[in-house]
Amino acid sequence: MKQLFPVKHIMGFICSLVLTVVALGVLAFDLSVKSGVILLLITAFLQASIQLVMFMHAGESEDKKSIYTNVIYALFIAVVTILGTLLTMIWGYQ
């Protein structure tokens, strides 16, 4: 019966809830903009990692390498898109 209880999934869910409460603490404690953004980025990265590994079962398949390669590629595309948007809209590329 112990093998049927999803301990890892429950712990992942609790960690996600804790990270959400920490992120809400940015608003509740009225942190400065710089520290708030840093804390939000850290909690967002940690929560995305937990979601990927625990609930999307990225580490359980036989094809781990291609899954993680696709995630890294998607992150690269996201960063390039964000930096390109900042370059053209905020930093005044003409």
Protein backbone atom coordinates (compact mmCIF):
# COMPACT_ATOMS: atom_id res chain seq x y z
CA MET A 1 0.00 0.00 0.00
CA LYS A 2 2.91 2.35 0.69
CA GLN A 3 3.99 2.11 -2.95
CA LEU A 4 0.60 3.38 -4.11
CA PHE A 5 0.72 6.61 -2.07
CA PRO A 6 2.26 9.41 -4.19
CA VAL A 7 4.64 10.91 -1.61
CA LYS A 8 6.74 12.73 -4.21
CA HIS A 9 3.68 14.30 -5.80
CA ILE A 10 2.34 15.46 -2.43
CA MET A 11 5.71 16.98 -1.55
CA GLY A 12 5.87 18.69 -4.95
CA PHE A 13 2.38 20.10 -4.41
CA ILE A 14 3.30 21.40 -0.94
CA CYS A 15 6.50 22.97 -2.32
CA SER A 16 4.46 24.65 -5.06
CA LEU A 17 2.06 26.05 -2.48
CA VAL A 18 4.93 27.35 -0.34
CA LEU A 19 6.55 29.02 -3.35
CA THR A 20 3.21 30.62 -4.24
CA VAL A 21 2.87 32.00 -0.71
CA VAL A 22 6.43 33.35 -0.90
CA ALA A 23 5.60 35.07 -4.19
CA LEU A 24 2.48 36.59 -2.65
CA GLY A 25 4.67 37.82 0.20
CA VAL A 26 6.25 40.26 -2.25
CA LEU A 27 2.95 42.09 -2.38
CA ALA A 28 2.05 41.63 1.28
CA PHE A 29 5.37 42.90 2.65
CA ASP A 30 5.65 45.76 0.13
CA LEU A 31 9.21 44.94 -0.90
CA SER A 32 11.25 47.24 -3.07
CA VAL A 33 10.96 46.76 -6.81
CA LYS A 34 14.44 45.29 -7.23
CA SER A 35 14.19 42.77 -4.40
CA GLY A 36 10.61 41.92 -5.37
CA VAL A 37 11.56 41.15 -8.96
CA ILE A 38 14.54 39.05 -7.86
CA LEU A 39 12.39 37.07 -5.42
CA LEU A 40 9.68 36.57 -8.03
CA LEU A 41 12.18 35.36 -10.63
CA ILE A 42 13.71 32.89 -8.19
CA THR A 43 10.34 31.50 -7.07
CA ALA A 44 9.10 31.32 -10.67
CA PHE A 45 12.16 29.37 -11.78
CA LEU A 46 11.91 26.98 -8.83
CA GLN A 47 8.20 26.45 -9.33
CA ALA A 48 8.61 25.80 -13.05
CA SER A 49 11.33 23.26 -12.26
CA ILE A 50 9.14 21.49 -9.72
CA GLN A 51 6.21 21.42 -12.14
CA LEU A 52 8.40 20.04 -14.93
CA VAL A 53 10.02 17.29 -12.89
CA MET A 54 7.22 16.29 -10.52
CA PHE A 55 4.01 16.70 -12.46
CA MET A 56 5.08 16.51 -16.10
CA HIS A 57 7.29 13.47 -15.36
CA ALA A 58 10.26 14.81 -17.30
CA GLY A 59 12.74 12.65 -15.43
CA GLU A 60 10.77 9.41 -15.63
CA SER A 61 10.88 8.72 -19.35
CA GLU A 62 13.57 6.82 -21.20
CA ASP A 63 14.11 9.79 -23.50
CA LYS A 64 15.29 12.27 -20.86
CA LYS A 65 17.91 13.85 -23.09
CA SER A 66 15.49 14.99 -25.79
CA ILE A 67 12.99 16.30 -23.21
CA TYR A 68 15.60 18.43 -21.47
CA THR A 69 17.04 19.53 -24.83
CA ASN A 70 13.58 20.73 -25.89
CA VAL A 71 13.14 22.60 -22.60
CA ILE A 72 16.52 24.32 -22.99
CA TYR A 73 15.69 25.21 -26.60
CA ALA A 74 12.32 26.66 -25.53
CA LEU A 75 14.04 28.73 -22.83
CA PHE A 76 16.53 30.01 -25.40
CA ILE A 77 13.74 31.05 -27.77
CA ALA A 78 11.90 32.76 -24.89
CA VAL A 79 15.00 34.71 -23.83
CA VAL A 80 15.76 35.78 -27.42
CA THR A 81 12.15 36.90 -27.89
CA ILE A 82 12.13 38.87 -24.63
CA LEU A 83 15.49 40.53 -25.32
CA GLY A 84 14.46 41.34 -28.89
CA THR A 85 11.25 42.92 -27.63
CA LEU A 86 13.16 44.97 -25.07
CA LEU A 87 15.66 46.03 -27.72
CA THR A 88 13.03 47.29 -30.12
CA MET A 89 10.43 48.72 -27.73
CA ILE A 90 12.33 50.08 -24.74
CA TRP A 91 15.97 50.55 -25.61
CA GLY A 92 15.16 52.62 -28.66
CA TYR A 93 16.48 50.56 -31.55
CA GLN A 94 16.00 52.64 -34.69
